[in-house]
Amino acid sequence: MKNAAETTYQPTEDEEGVAEGAASLGADGGPVATVPAEADDDAFESELEAFDDDDSWLSEELSDEELAALGEEDFGDDIFSEEDFTAEDAPAATVSAALNATDPVAEDNLPSDEDFSFDDAFDDTELSEEVAEPDENVSVETEEEISQGALVAATAAIAGQDIEESTSDIDVSGYGEEEIDHRPVPRISIHAFCEAPDTTTLLEKASVDRRLSKAHLTIHMGGINKAIDHFQTASTPNLIILETMAGGAEIFAKLAELAEVCDPSTKVIIIGRVNDIILYRELIKQGVSEYIVRPNSPLQIIKTIADLYVDPSAPPIGKTIAFVGARGGVGSSTLAHNVGWCSAEEFHSDTVILDLDLPFGTVSLDFDEEASAGLVEALASPERLDDVLLDRLLQKHTDRLSLFTAPSMLDRDFDLDDQAFETVLDVVRGTAPTIVVDVPHLWTSWSKRILMTADEIVITATPDLASFRNTKNLIDILGAARPNDSSPTLVINQFDPKTSAVQAAQFAEHVGIKPAQVINWDPQLFGAAATNASPVTEVGGKSKTAQSIRDLAAQMLGRNETNIARPKFSLAGMFKKKR
């Protein structure tokens, strides 16, 4: 039985031949480079050991001076790591692999079911030459591209700019909405001459935008020809917007005619259909202020206009966040003050809080500061307000939080000019990146104007019918007046799921805006914060209400998450405390 088993598992001569033949093939299907079959294995190993021990080839390859120049540097294995072999080595490896692919042995080992036949007119020699020539060309072109890329990178490094910056001016099609800032256009007169109805529609939407509220925009139809006829008898404005379908020499000929009837100080923006960098550069060289191609958003046009009248070295203006209540007593002021404190102290953004409820403001109570007449003084003489006077009138609560408190006095009337509020806000926006405006529950010309021109609007409502109705009215009128801005942010305060007359889902269904935050009814927390003149995030930092305020502040500032430095849990710290 044992002999029978051994006979069964012994390989036949044919199987041994197949195994040896398979072992003799390399990874690419070709023969493995081995020693001749007639060489003895022991003799071959001894020759290899003798070759390893023989260092005479060093002296034959390198001279004494070359060895001395090398010094005693240590070329360890860690030097030749995978990181040292960059993508520049890849083309050579690819070419060598392609050359190896033309090995006749490899072609013989191709699967029989694949059709790799060639025309009989070409013999093996011609075929190998045709395959080899393209590979050599690929190698040369790859080296040229690498050298050119290195040359461009070196030139950009010398010039102190990136490669992307050097080619960014090729795209002259306009600006994306993410690049639109909060800087308004100054008081200028603008005349636009359009040829396409789509451009007219964009300019009409731009004319009602809050950023163009100070400018006066007049739209005409007819393009450059209409502009030439119009300004022969009319004075030229500060800015002319021209739309043209032409390109090349025709544009320059029309611009030359327009220059004869326009004031030299007038700026010109051209809206074209030709996306040509050479045309763009030539227009700028000839004195055109800007050239944009097929704008698809009114914000692109507003951005282009604002850039012409903004000093590039001027610091960016602050973002205004207006808080208003759907009715009195909803907690809009409390929410505004807490968001302002959180923005300054937890998000480290310099913040100014303006309390515009002049007779009944509570910002001085919430921050334990004395009521000051600084805001009333600034509103009474807005033309005198500058950075120096503003710094004297503001109350510094912390290093990052400043207050413009209300005087809270009833012995005088506060009949102020509507333009004074806008002037004061413009000056304050130049001093801090975040401006929190506490708008009282009034509907006057100046309160409406502040809401219309604010960058962000937060409406605070309580879950009752009066707030529900007023919130709907506010969102409708603000949405119609701000077509190019996002909808106001809705916060439901003092919510109790058991006793509230209106649920949060009903606000979202009928008002059309989903509440950003729903703050539950928590009189103890808010009462303790008001009594101690401290923000809610300090009195109840781990409460859901405090987290809702942080989330709202993060949303207003455009932050994805809070950058609050909280202590981390550590077992070592616990043991140290016990000791």
Protein backbone atom coordinates (compact mmCIF):
# COMPACT_ATOMS: atom_id res chain seq x y z
CA MET A 1 0.00 0.00 0.00
CA LYS A 2 2.84 2.46 0.87
CA ASN A 3 4.60 1.77 -2.38
CA ALA A 4 1.38 2.28 -4.29
CA ALA A 5 0.84 5.70 -2.63
CA GLU A 6 4.37 6.81 -3.42
CA THR A 7 3.89 5.77 -7.00
CA THR A 8 0.67 7.73 -7.20
CA TYR A 9 2.14 11.06 -6.00
CA GLN A 10 5.41 10.87 -7.92
CA PRO A 11 5.36 13.38 -10.83
CA THR A 12 5.82 12.02 -14.31
CA GLU A 13 8.61 13.07 -16.59
CA ASP A 14 6.23 15.17 -18.68
CA GLU A 15 4.98 17.09 -15.64
CA GLU A 16 8.56 17.77 -14.51
CA GLY A 17 9.37 19.14 -17.94
CA VAL A 18 6.39 21.48 -17.90
CA ALA A 19 7.25 22.71 -14.40
CA GLU A 20 10.86 23.35 -15.30
CA GLY A 21 9.79 25.16 -18.45
CA ALA A 22 7.40 27.41 -16.53
CA ALA A 23 10.07 28.18 -13.94
CA SER A 24 12.46 29.24 -16.69
CA LEU A 25 10.11 32.04 -17.83
CA GLY A 26 10.47 35.56 -16.41
CA ALA A 27 7.81 37.94 -15.15
CA ASP A 28 7.29 39.32 -18.66
CA GLY A 29 6.99 35.91 -20.27
CA GLY A 30 10.61 35.90 -21.52
CA PRO A 31 13.46 33.66 -20.47
CA VAL A 32 15.08 34.23 -17.10
CA ALA A 33 18.74 35.31 -17.23
CA THR A 34 20.47 32.31 -15.68
CA VAL A 35 23.90 30.76 -15.81
CA PRO A 36 24.65 28.32 -18.62
CA ALA A 37 23.30 24.86 -18.09
CA GLU A 38 26.75 23.26 -18.35
CA ALA A 39 28.16 25.45 -15.52
CA ASP A 40 28.47 23.83 -12.16
CA ASP A 41 26.41 25.43 -9.37
CA ASP A 42 29.20 25.34 -6.80
CA ALA A 43 31.67 26.88 -9.19
CA PHE A 44 29.24 29.68 -10.08
CA GLU A 45 28.59 30.54 -6.43
CA SER A 46 32.30 30.68 -5.70
CA GLU A 47 32.78 33.07 -8.61
CA LEU A 48 30.07 35.36 -7.25
CA GLU A 49 31.65 35.40 -3.79
CA ALA A 50 35.02 36.20 -5.29
CA PHE A 51 33.47 39.03 -7.29
CA ASP A 52 31.84 40.49 -4.18
CA ASP A 53 35.10 40.40 -2.26
CA ASP A 54 37.07 42.04 -5.05
CA ASP A 55 37.04 45.83 -4.69
CA SER A 56 39.59 46.49 -7.40
CA TRP A 57 36.91 47.85 -9.74
CA LEU A 58 36.62 50.94 -7.57
CA SER A 59 40.16 52.02 -8.28
CA GLU A 60 39.69 51.32 -11.97
CA GLU A 61 36.57 53.45 -12.32
CA LEU A 62 37.44 56.42 -10.03
CA SER A 63 40.72 58.30 -9.74
CA ASP A 64 42.32 59.38 -6.48
CA GLU A 65 41.13 62.97 -6.97
CA GLU A 66 37.55 61.83 -7.51
CA LEU A 67 37.63 59.70 -4.40
CA ALA A 68 38.98 62.62 -2.40
CA ALA A 69 36.24 64.87 -3.73
CA LEU A 70 33.59 62.45 -2.57
CA GLY A 71 34.82 62.69 1.01
CA GLU A 72 33.52 60.40 3.67
CA GLU A 73 29.83 60.79 3.05
CA ASP A 74 27.62 58.03 4.28
CA PHE A 75 25.41 56.73 1.52
CA GLY A 76 23.08 54.58 3.58
CA ASP A 77 20.01 52.75 2.49
CA ASP A 78 17.79 55.48 3.92
CA ILE A 79 19.03 57.91 1.28
CA PHE A 80 17.66 55.79 -1.52
CA SER A 81 14.09 55.80 -0.26
CA GLU A 82 11.02 55.72 -2.38
CA GLU A 83 10.52 59.46 -1.90
CA ASP A 84 13.77 60.16 -3.80
CA PHE A 85 12.38 58.57 -6.94
CA THR A 86 10.04 61.25 -8.26
CA ALA A 87 7.67 61.26 -11.19
CA GLU A 88 10.57 62.25 -13.45
CA ASP A 89 11.79 58.65 -13.34
CA ALA A 90 8.42 57.39 -14.55
CA PRO A 91 8.84 58.24 -18.24
CA ALA A 92 12.12 56.31 -18.48
CA ALA A 93 10.56 53.30 -16.79
CA THR A 94 7.56 53.49 -19.07
CA VAL A 95 9.71 53.65 -22.17
CA SER A 96 11.87 50.75 -21.08
CA ALA A 97 8.76 48.71 -20.38
CA ALA A 98 7.45 49.53 -23.83
CA LEU A 99 10.74 48.45 -25.38
CA ASN A 100 10.68 45.22 -23.44
CA ALA A 101 7.18 44.61 -24.73
CA THR A 102 8.62 44.16 -28.24
CA ASP A 103 10.64 41.16 -27.15
CA PRO A 104 10.06 38.33 -29.66
CA VAL A 105 9.76 35.85 -26.83
CA ALA A 106 7.01 37.87 -25.25
CA GLU A 107 5.12 38.02 -28.54
CA ASP A 108 5.34 34.26 -28.85
CA ASN A 109 3.72 33.86 -25.45
CA LEU A 110 0.65 35.96 -26.25
CA PRO A 111 -2.69 34.17 -25.78
CA SER A 112 -3.80 32.36 -28.84
CA ASP A 113 -7.33 33.69 -28.69
CA GLU A 114 -6.16 37.32 -29.13
CA ASP A 115 -5.68 38.66 -32.67
CA PHE A 116 -2.30 40.38 -32.87
CA SER A 117 -1.59 39.63 -36.56
CA PHE A 118 0.19 42.19 -38.74
CA ASP A 119 0.30 42.73 -42.46
CA ASP A 120 2.55 40.32 -44.35
CA ALA A 121 4.18 43.21 -46.18
CA PHE A 122 6.22 44.05 -43.04
CA ASP A 123 8.88 41.70 -41.83
CA ASP A 124 10.11 41.38 -38.26
CA THR A 125 12.92 43.90 -38.69
CA GLU A 126 10.66 46.64 -40.02
CA LEU A 127 8.11 45.99 -37.31
CA SER A 128 10.69 46.36 -34.52
CA GLU A 129 11.99 49.61 -36.02
CA GLU A 130 8.48 51.09 -36.27
CA VAL A 131 7.73 50.22 -32.68
CA ALA A 132 11.04 51.52 -31.37
CA GLU A 133 10.92 54.92 -33.09
CA PRO A 134 7.73 56.20 -31.41
CA ASP A 135 9.06 55.17 -28.00
CA GLU A 136 12.22 57.20 -28.53
CA ASN A 137 10.17 60.22 -29.51
CA VAL A 138 8.01 59.85 -26.43
CA SER A 139 11.12 59.84 -24.26
CA VAL A 140 12.48 63.02 -25.84
CA GLU A 141 9.17 64.88 -25.56
CA THR A 142 8.77 63.90 -21.93
CA GLU A 143 12.21 65.23 -21.05
CA GLU A 144 11.45 68.50 -22.83
CA GLU A 145 8.17 68.92 -20.93
CA ILE A 146 9.89 68.26 -17.63
CA SER A 147 12.65 70.74 -18.38
CA GLN A 148 10.15 73.37 -19.50
CA GLY A 149 8.08 72.87 -16.36
CA ALA A 150 11.16 73.29 -14.20
CA LEU A 151 12.10 76.44 -16.12
CA VAL A 152 8.65 77.95 -15.61
CA ALA A 153 8.68 77.06 -11.92
CA ALA A 154 12.11 78.60 -11.48
CA THR A 155 11.07 81.77 -13.29
CA ALA A 156 7.93 82.06 -11.16
CA ALA A 157 9.96 81.56 -8.00
CA ILE A 158 12.34 84.36 -9.02
CA ALA A 159 9.41 86.66 -9.71
CA GLY A 160 7.93 85.85 -6.31
CA GLN A 161 4.67 84.46 -7.59
CA ASP A 162 3.08 81.09 -8.30
CA ILE A 163 2.51 79.61 -11.73
CA GLU A 164 -1.23 79.78 -11.25
CA GLU A 165 -1.05 83.49 -10.55
CA SER A 166 0.91 84.14 -13.73
CA THR A 167 -1.85 82.58 -15.85
CA SER A 168 -4.89 83.72 -13.88
CA ASP A 169 -5.59 86.65 -16.17
CA ILE A 170 -6.49 84.33 -19.03
CA ASP A 171 -10.00 83.82 -17.65
CA VAL A 172 -11.78 87.10 -18.33
CA SER A 173 -15.30 85.72 -18.11
CA GLY A 174 -16.07 87.31 -14.75
CA TYR A 175 -16.08 86.54 -11.09
CA GLY A 176 -17.76 83.86 -9.09
CA GLU A 177 -20.28 84.64 -6.41
CA GLU A 178 -17.96 83.35 -3.73
CA GLU A 179 -15.62 86.27 -4.46
CA ILE A 180 -18.30 88.91 -3.87
CA ASP A 181 -17.47 90.97 -0.80
CA HIS A 182 -19.65 93.29 1.27
CA ARG A 183 -18.22 96.55 -0.03
CA PRO A 184 -20.91 98.83 -1.50
CA VAL A 185 -20.49 100.94 -4.62
CA PRO A 186 -20.01 104.66 -3.83
CA ARG A 187 -22.31 107.44 -5.01
CA ILE A 188 -21.65 107.51 -8.75
CA SER A 189 -23.70 107.87 -11.92
CA ILE A 190 -23.71 104.91 -14.31
CA HIS A 191 -25.04 104.66 -17.86
CA ALA A 192 -25.35 101.23 -19.45
CA PHE A 193 -25.88 100.59 -23.19
CA CYS A 194 -27.03 97.05 -23.91
CA GLU A 195 -27.63 95.00 -27.04
CA ALA A 196 -29.04 91.75 -25.62
CA PRO A 197 -32.16 91.40 -23.45
CA ASP A 198 -30.35 89.04 -21.08
CA THR A 199 -27.79 91.71 -20.23
CA THR A 200 -30.56 94.23 -19.65
CA THR A 201 -32.22 91.84 -17.21
CA LEU A 202 -28.96 91.36 -15.29
CA LEU A 203 -28.42 95.11 -15.03
CA GLU A 204 -31.99 95.63 -13.83
CA LYS A 205 -31.43 93.07 -11.07
CA ALA A 206 -28.14 94.73 -10.18
CA SER A 207 -29.76 98.17 -9.97
CA VAL A 208 -32.03 97.10 -7.09
CA ASP A 209 -29.21 95.42 -5.16
CA ARG A 210 -28.29 96.96 -1.81
CA ARG A 211 -24.66 97.32 -2.88
CA LEU A 212 -25.73 99.69 -5.65
CA SER A 213 -28.20 101.59 -3.49
CA LYS A 214 -26.02 104.71 -3.46
CA ALA A 215 -25.31 104.68 -7.20
CA HIS A 216 -27.67 105.90 -9.92
CA LEU A 217 -27.92 103.48 -12.85
CA THR A 218 -29.58 104.32 -16.18
CA ILE A 219 -30.05 101.57 -18.80
CA HIS A 220 -30.26 102.23 -22.56
CA MET A 221 -30.62 99.90 -25.54
CA GLY A 222 -28.43 100.20 -28.61
CA GLY A 223 -24.85 99.38 -27.66
CA ILE A 224 -21.86 101.54 -28.56
CA ASN A 225 -23.63 103.31 -31.44
CA LYS A 226 -26.35 104.52 -29.09
CA ALA A 227 -23.72 105.72 -26.61
CA ILE A 228 -21.94 107.76 -29.29
CA ASP A 229 -25.19 109.49 -30.30
CA HIS A 230 -26.30 110.01 -26.69
CA PHE A 231 -23.17 111.71 -25.37
CA GLN A 232 -22.92 114.16 -28.24
CA THR A 233 -25.56 116.24 -26.47
CA ALA A 234 -25.40 114.90 -22.87
CA SER A 235 -22.72 115.05 -20.20
CA THR A 236 -20.79 111.86 -19.54
CA PRO A 237 -21.31 110.01 -16.22
CA ASN A 238 -18.70 108.55 -13.89
CA LEU A 239 -19.00 105.09 -15.47
CA ILE A 240 -20.17 103.78 -18.85
CA ILE A 241 -21.07 100.11 -19.37
CA LEU A 242 -21.04 99.06 -23.03
CA GLU A 243 -22.20 95.78 -24.52
CA THR A 244 -20.91 94.78 -27.94
CA MET A 245 -21.22 91.72 -30.14
CA ALA A 246 -18.27 92.73 -32.31
CA GLY A 247 -14.63 91.89 -31.91
CA GLY A 248 -11.20 92.92 -33.06
CA ALA A 249 -10.67 96.12 -35.04
CA GLU A 250 -14.37 97.02 -35.06
CA ILE A 251 -14.40 97.49 -31.28
CA PHE A 252 -11.39 99.81 -31.34
CA ALA A 253 -12.89 101.89 -34.16
CA LYS A 254 -16.12 102.42 -32.19
CA LEU A 255 -14.23 103.21 -29.00
CA ALA A 256 -12.23 105.85 -30.86
CA GLU A 257 -15.48 107.56 -31.90
CA LEU A 258 -16.81 107.36 -28.33
CA ALA A 259 -13.63 108.87 -26.92
CA GLU A 260 -14.24 112.03 -28.94
CA VAL A 261 -17.52 112.77 -27.11
CA CYS A 262 -16.65 111.51 -23.60
CA ASP A 263 -14.83 113.09 -20.70
CA PRO A 264 -11.29 111.65 -20.24
CA SER A 265 -11.99 110.84 -16.58
CA THR A 266 -14.96 108.57 -17.43
CA LYS A 267 -14.40 104.88 -16.77
CA VAL A 268 -15.58 102.27 -19.27
CA ILE A 269 -16.59 98.63 -18.75
CA ILE A 270 -17.17 96.50 -21.85
CA ILE A 271 -19.37 93.40 -21.86
CA GLY A 272 -18.41 91.22 -24.81
CA ARG A 273 -18.91 87.82 -26.34
CA VAL A 274 -15.31 87.10 -27.37
CA ASN A 275 -13.20 85.34 -24.74
CA ASP A 276 -9.78 86.36 -26.06
CA ILE A 277 -6.90 87.22 -23.75
CA ILE A 278 -5.13 89.21 -26.50
CA LEU A 279 -8.24 91.34 -27.01
CA TYR A 280 -8.56 91.81 -23.24
CA ARG A 281 -4.99 93.01 -22.84
CA GLU A 282 -5.24 95.36 -25.81
CA LEU A 283 -8.46 96.90 -24.44
CA ILE A 284 -6.85 97.48 -21.07
CA LYS A 285 -3.83 98.98 -22.83
CA GLN A 286 -6.10 101.36 -24.74
CA GLY A 287 -7.65 102.67 -21.51
CA VAL A 288 -10.72 100.45 -20.97
CA SER A 289 -11.26 99.90 -17.25
CA GLU A 290 -12.50 96.29 -17.47
CA TYR A 291 -13.71 93.70 -19.96
CA ILE A 292 -16.02 90.88 -18.89
CA VAL A 293 -17.38 88.03 -21.01
CA ARG A 294 -21.00 86.89 -20.79
CA PRO A 295 -21.77 87.66 -17.12
CA ASN A 296 -24.25 85.20 -15.65
CA SER A 297 -24.98 86.94 -12.36
CA PRO A 298 -25.71 90.53 -11.32
CA LEU A 299 -23.17 90.11 -8.54
CA GLN A 300 -20.43 89.78 -11.17
CA ILE A 301 -21.32 93.19 -12.56
CA ILE A 302 -21.51 94.71 -9.08
CA LYS A 303 -18.14 93.22 -8.17
CA THR A 304 -16.56 94.66 -11.31
CA ILE A 305 -17.97 98.12 -10.63
CA ALA A 306 -16.93 98.10 -6.97
CA ASP A 307 -13.35 97.11 -7.82
CA LEU A 308 -12.95 100.24 -9.95
CA TYR A 309 -13.66 102.55 -7.03
CA VAL A 310 -12.05 100.66 -4.16
CA ASP A 311 -8.52 101.29 -3.01
CA PRO A 312 -6.68 97.94 -3.17
CA SER A 313 -4.61 98.89 -0.13
CA ALA A 314 -7.68 99.74 1.95
CA PRO A 315 -8.61 97.20 4.63
CA PRO A 316 -11.79 95.16 4.10
CA ILE A 317 -14.95 96.47 5.65
CA GLY A 318 -16.82 94.66 8.38
CA LYS A 319 -19.84 92.42 8.01
CA THR A 320 -23.07 93.84 9.44
CA ILE A 321 -25.47 91.45 11.18
CA ALA A 322 -28.83 93.05 11.98
CA PHE A 323 -31.01 91.49 14.70
CA VAL A 324 -34.71 92.37 14.74
CA GLY A 325 -37.65 90.93 16.65
CA ALA A 326 -40.92 89.87 15.05
CA ARG A 327 -42.61 91.65 17.94
CA GLY A 328 -41.59 93.20 21.24
CA GLY A 329 -40.27 90.97 24.02
CA VAL A 330 -39.13 88.03 21.87
CA GLY A 331 -35.51 88.25 23.08
CA SER A 332 -33.89 89.71 19.97
CA SER A 333 -31.62 92.04 21.95
CA THR A 334 -30.53 89.26 24.29
CA LEU A 335 -29.73 87.03 21.35
CA ALA A 336 -27.82 89.83 19.58
CA HIS A 337 -25.68 90.57 22.63
CA ASN A 338 -24.85 86.90 23.21
CA VAL A 339 -23.95 86.30 19.57
CA GLY A 340 -21.75 89.40 19.62
CA TRP A 341 -19.93 88.24 22.74
CA CYS A 342 -19.50 84.74 21.32
CA SER A 343 -18.14 86.17 18.08
CA ALA A 344 -15.52 88.21 19.93
CA GLU A 345 -14.46 85.92 22.74
CA GLU A 346 -14.96 82.42 21.37
CA PHE A 347 -14.36 83.03 17.66
CA HIS A 348 -11.72 85.73 18.23
CA SER A 349 -13.26 88.17 15.74
CA ASP A 350 -13.12 91.86 16.66
CA THR A 351 -16.75 92.85 17.17
CA VAL A 352 -18.71 96.05 17.73
CA ILE A 353 -22.26 95.96 19.11
CA LEU A 354 -24.52 98.92 18.30
CA ASP A 355 -27.64 99.36 20.42
CA LEU A 356 -29.99 101.45 18.27
CA ASP A 357 -32.82 101.34 20.79
CA LEU A 358 -31.76 104.77 22.05
CA PRO A 359 -34.36 105.34 24.81
CA PHE A 360 -34.70 101.74 26.07
CA GLY A 361 -31.50 99.92 25.09
CA THR A 362 -30.22 97.11 27.32
CA VAL A 363 -26.68 96.49 26.08
CA SER A 364 -25.24 98.44 29.02
CA LEU A 365 -27.19 96.23 31.47
CA ASP A 366 -26.23 92.95 29.79
CA PHE A 367 -22.50 93.80 29.91
CA ASP A 368 -22.47 95.76 33.19
CA GLU A 369 -21.32 98.99 31.54
CA GLU A 370 -22.41 102.55 32.17
CA ALA A 371 -24.83 104.03 29.67
CA SER A 372 -23.06 106.47 27.40
CA ALA A 373 -24.16 109.20 25.02
CA GLY A 374 -21.43 108.33 22.56
CA LEU A 375 -23.78 106.85 19.96
CA VAL A 376 -26.13 109.84 20.14
CA GLU A 377 -23.18 112.21 19.76
CA ALA A 378 -22.01 110.34 16.68
CA LEU A 379 -25.50 110.33 15.16
CA ALA A 380 -25.95 114.05 15.87
CA SER A 381 -22.77 114.99 13.97
CA PRO A 382 -22.00 112.13 11.57
CA GLU A 383 -19.79 114.31 9.37
CA ARG A 384 -17.33 114.74 12.25
CA LEU A 385 -17.02 111.03 12.90
CA ASP A 386 -13.67 109.51 11.98
CA ASP A 387 -11.49 106.72 13.32
CA VAL A 388 -10.02 108.87 16.09
CA LEU A 389 -13.38 110.15 17.35
CA LEU A 390 -14.93 106.72 17.01
CA ASP A 391 -12.22 105.16 19.14
CA ARG A 392 -12.97 107.73 21.86
CA LEU A 393 -16.74 107.18 21.75
CA LEU A 394 -16.65 103.36 21.80
CA GLN A 395 -16.59 101.51 25.11
CA LYS A 396 -14.02 98.72 25.26
CA HIS A 397 -15.58 95.81 27.10
CA THR A 398 -12.79 93.36 26.26
CA ASP A 399 -9.81 93.41 23.94
CA ARG A 400 -12.01 92.17 21.07
CA LEU A 401 -15.46 93.49 22.02
CA SER A 402 -16.48 97.15 21.81
CA LEU A 403 -19.87 98.62 22.64
CA PHE A 404 -21.90 101.53 21.32
CA THR A 405 -24.38 101.72 24.17
CA ALA A 406 -27.69 103.56 24.11
CA PRO A 407 -28.08 106.53 26.48
CA SER A 408 -31.37 105.11 27.85
CA MET A 409 -32.71 108.58 28.66
CA LEU A 410 -36.26 109.86 28.22
CA ASP A 411 -35.62 113.56 28.82
CA ARG A 412 -34.98 114.27 25.15
CA ASP A 413 -36.34 113.37 21.76
CA PHE A 414 -34.30 111.34 19.34
CA ASP A 415 -35.33 112.86 16.04
CA LEU A 416 -32.25 112.14 13.99
CA ASP A 417 -31.52 112.27 10.28
CA ASP A 418 -32.03 108.99 8.49
CA GLN A 419 -28.74 109.39 6.64
CA ALA A 420 -26.89 109.73 9.95
CA PHE A 421 -27.40 106.05 10.82
CA GLU A 422 -25.97 104.93 7.48
CA THR A 423 -22.97 107.26 7.82
CA VAL A 424 -22.13 106.03 11.31
CA LEU A 425 -22.42 102.40 10.20
CA ASP A 426 -20.06 103.03 7.27
CA VAL A 427 -17.41 104.42 9.64
CA VAL A 428 -17.84 101.59 12.15
CA ARG A 429 -17.54 98.95 9.42
CA GLY A 430 -14.03 100.16 8.70
CA THR A 431 -12.83 99.40 12.24
CA ALA A 432 -13.92 95.79 12.91
CA PRO A 433 -14.72 92.68 10.83
CA THR A 434 -18.00 91.95 12.66
CA ILE A 435 -20.70 94.54 13.38
CA VAL A 436 -23.75 93.42 15.38
CA VAL A 437 -26.67 95.87 15.06
CA ASP A 438 -29.48 95.62 17.61
CA VAL A 439 -32.44 97.05 15.69
CA PRO A 440 -35.44 97.93 17.88
CA HIS A 441 -38.95 96.77 17.04
CA LEU A 442 -39.79 99.86 15.02
CA TRP A 443 -40.76 100.41 11.41
CA THR A 444 -39.26 103.76 10.44
CA SER A 445 -37.36 104.89 7.39
CA TRP A 446 -33.97 104.46 9.07
CA SER A 447 -34.75 101.05 10.63
CA LYS A 448 -36.05 99.79 7.29
CA ARG A 449 -32.95 101.16 5.58
CA ILE A 450 -30.63 99.36 8.02
CA LEU A 451 -32.41 96.05 7.43
CA MET A 452 -32.33 96.48 3.67
CA THR A 453 -28.58 97.19 3.57
CA ALA A 454 -27.41 94.67 6.19
CA ASP A 455 -25.23 91.77 5.11
CA GLU A 456 -27.11 89.30 7.32
CA ILE A 457 -30.53 89.58 8.97
CA VAL A 458 -31.64 87.54 11.98
CA ILE A 459 -35.35 87.57 12.80
CA THR A 460 -36.22 86.38 16.29
CA ALA A 461 -39.76 85.12 16.80
CA THR A 462 -41.71 83.39 19.52
CA PRO A 463 -44.16 80.53 18.81
CA ASP A 464 -47.34 82.64 18.86
CA LEU A 465 -49.72 83.99 16.24
CA ALA A 466 -48.50 87.61 16.37
CA SER A 467 -44.89 86.59 15.74
CA PHE A 468 -46.03 84.17 13.07
CA ARG A 469 -47.87 86.89 11.15
CA ASN A 470 -45.14 89.53 11.54
CA THR A 471 -42.41 87.11 10.54
CA LYS A 472 -44.24 86.31 7.31
CA ASN A 473 -44.60 90.01 6.51
CA LEU A 474 -40.95 90.78 7.26
CA ILE A 475 -39.63 87.94 5.13
CA ASP A 476 -41.86 88.89 2.20
CA ILE A 477 -40.82 92.54 2.11
CA LEU A 478 -37.12 91.85 2.76
CA GLY A 479 -37.01 89.12 0.14
CA ALA A 480 -38.53 91.42 -2.48
CA ALA A 481 -36.08 94.22 -1.66
CA ARG A 482 -33.01 91.92 -1.58
CA PRO A 483 -33.35 89.63 -4.62
CA ASN A 484 -29.61 88.91 -4.86
CA ASP A 485 -29.14 88.02 -1.17
CA SER A 486 -29.95 84.97 0.86
CA SER A 487 -33.12 84.82 2.91
CA PRO A 488 -33.10 86.13 6.48
CA THR A 489 -32.18 83.75 9.27
CA LEU A 490 -35.08 82.74 11.49
CA VAL A 491 -34.65 81.88 15.18
CA ILE A 492 -37.56 80.67 17.30
CA ASN A 493 -37.10 81.62 20.95
CA GLN A 494 -38.96 80.65 24.13
CA PHE A 495 -40.24 77.45 22.56
CA ASP A 496 -42.20 74.93 24.60
CA PRO A 497 -43.39 71.88 22.65
CA LYS A 498 -46.33 71.40 25.05
CA THR A 499 -47.72 74.94 25.33
CA SER A 500 -46.55 76.72 22.16
CA ALA A 501 -49.37 77.78 19.85
CA VAL A 502 -47.29 77.47 16.69
CA GLN A 503 -44.84 74.64 16.12
CA ALA A 504 -41.50 74.98 14.37
CA ALA A 505 -42.68 72.88 11.43
CA GLN A 506 -45.57 75.30 10.85
CA PHE A 507 -43.11 78.20 10.55
CA ALA A 508 -41.16 76.32 7.91
CA GLU A 509 -44.33 75.38 6.01
CA HIS A 510 -46.12 78.71 5.92
CA VAL A 511 -43.31 81.25 6.22
CA GLY A 512 -41.11 79.44 3.73
CA ILE A 513 -37.94 79.41 5.86
CA LYS A 514 -36.77 76.63 8.11
CA PRO A 515 -35.74 77.95 11.54
CA ALA A 516 -31.97 77.94 11.91
CA GLN A 517 -32.23 77.50 15.69
CA VAL A 518 -35.04 76.63 18.07
CA ILE A 519 -34.24 77.80 21.60
CA ASN A 520 -36.36 76.24 24.32
CA TRP A 521 -38.04 78.16 27.10
CA ASP A 522 -35.46 78.37 29.89
CA PRO A 523 -36.26 81.29 32.23
CA GLN A 524 -33.79 80.19 34.90
CA LEU A 525 -30.79 80.27 32.57
CA PHE A 526 -31.64 83.61 30.99
CA GLY A 527 -32.60 85.05 34.36
CA ALA A 528 -29.27 84.06 35.89
CA ALA A 529 -27.39 85.52 32.91
CA ALA A 530 -29.28 88.83 33.15
CA THR A 531 -28.81 89.05 36.93
CA ASN A 532 -25.06 88.40 36.73
CA ALA A 533 -24.62 90.57 33.60
CA SER A 534 -22.90 87.63 31.94
CA PRO A 535 -23.45 85.91 28.60
CA VAL A 536 -25.40 82.66 28.46
CA THR A 537 -22.35 80.80 27.16
CA GLU A 538 -20.58 81.53 30.45
CA VAL A 539 -23.48 80.94 32.85
CA GLY A 540 -24.57 77.69 31.18
CA GLY A 541 -21.76 76.82 28.82
CA LYS A 542 -22.79 73.17 28.43
CA SER A 543 -26.51 73.81 27.94
CA LYS A 544 -28.32 73.34 24.66
CA THR A 545 -29.15 77.03 24.61
CA ALA A 546 -25.46 77.98 24.75
CA GLN A 547 -24.67 75.55 21.96
CA SER A 548 -27.48 77.01 19.85
CA ILE A 549 -25.97 80.48 20.30
CA ARG A 550 -22.54 79.19 19.28
CA ASP A 551 -24.00 77.53 16.20
CA LEU A 552 -25.82 80.72 15.24
CA ALA A 553 -22.64 82.78 15.67
CA ALA A 554 -20.70 80.28 13.56
CA GLN A 555 -23.34 80.51 10.82
CA MET A 556 -23.26 84.31 10.82
CA LEU A 557 -19.47 84.41 10.64
CA GLY A 558 -19.29 81.73 7.97
CA ARG A 559 -17.44 79.29 10.21
CA ASN A 560 -17.97 75.56 9.91
CA GLU A 561 -17.05 74.81 13.49
CA THR A 562 -16.05 76.68 16.60
CA ASN A 563 -12.40 77.23 17.34
CA ILE A 564 -12.88 77.25 21.08
CA ALA A 565 -9.94 75.94 23.07
CA ARG A 566 -11.55 73.51 25.47
CA PRO A 567 -9.55 71.44 27.99
CA LYS A 568 -9.02 67.85 26.90
CA PHE A 569 -9.68 64.82 29.08
CA SER A 570 -6.44 63.45 30.56
CA LEU A 571 -5.96 60.56 32.99
CA ALA A 572 -2.57 61.96 33.96
CA GLY A 573 -4.21 65.21 34.97
CA MET A 574 -6.68 63.36 37.19
CA PHE A 575 -3.88 61.54 39.04
CA LYS A 576 -1.95 64.79 39.52
CA LYS A 577 -4.97 66.43 41.11
CA LYS A 578 -5.40 63.54 43.52
CA ARG A 579 -1.78 63.79 44.65
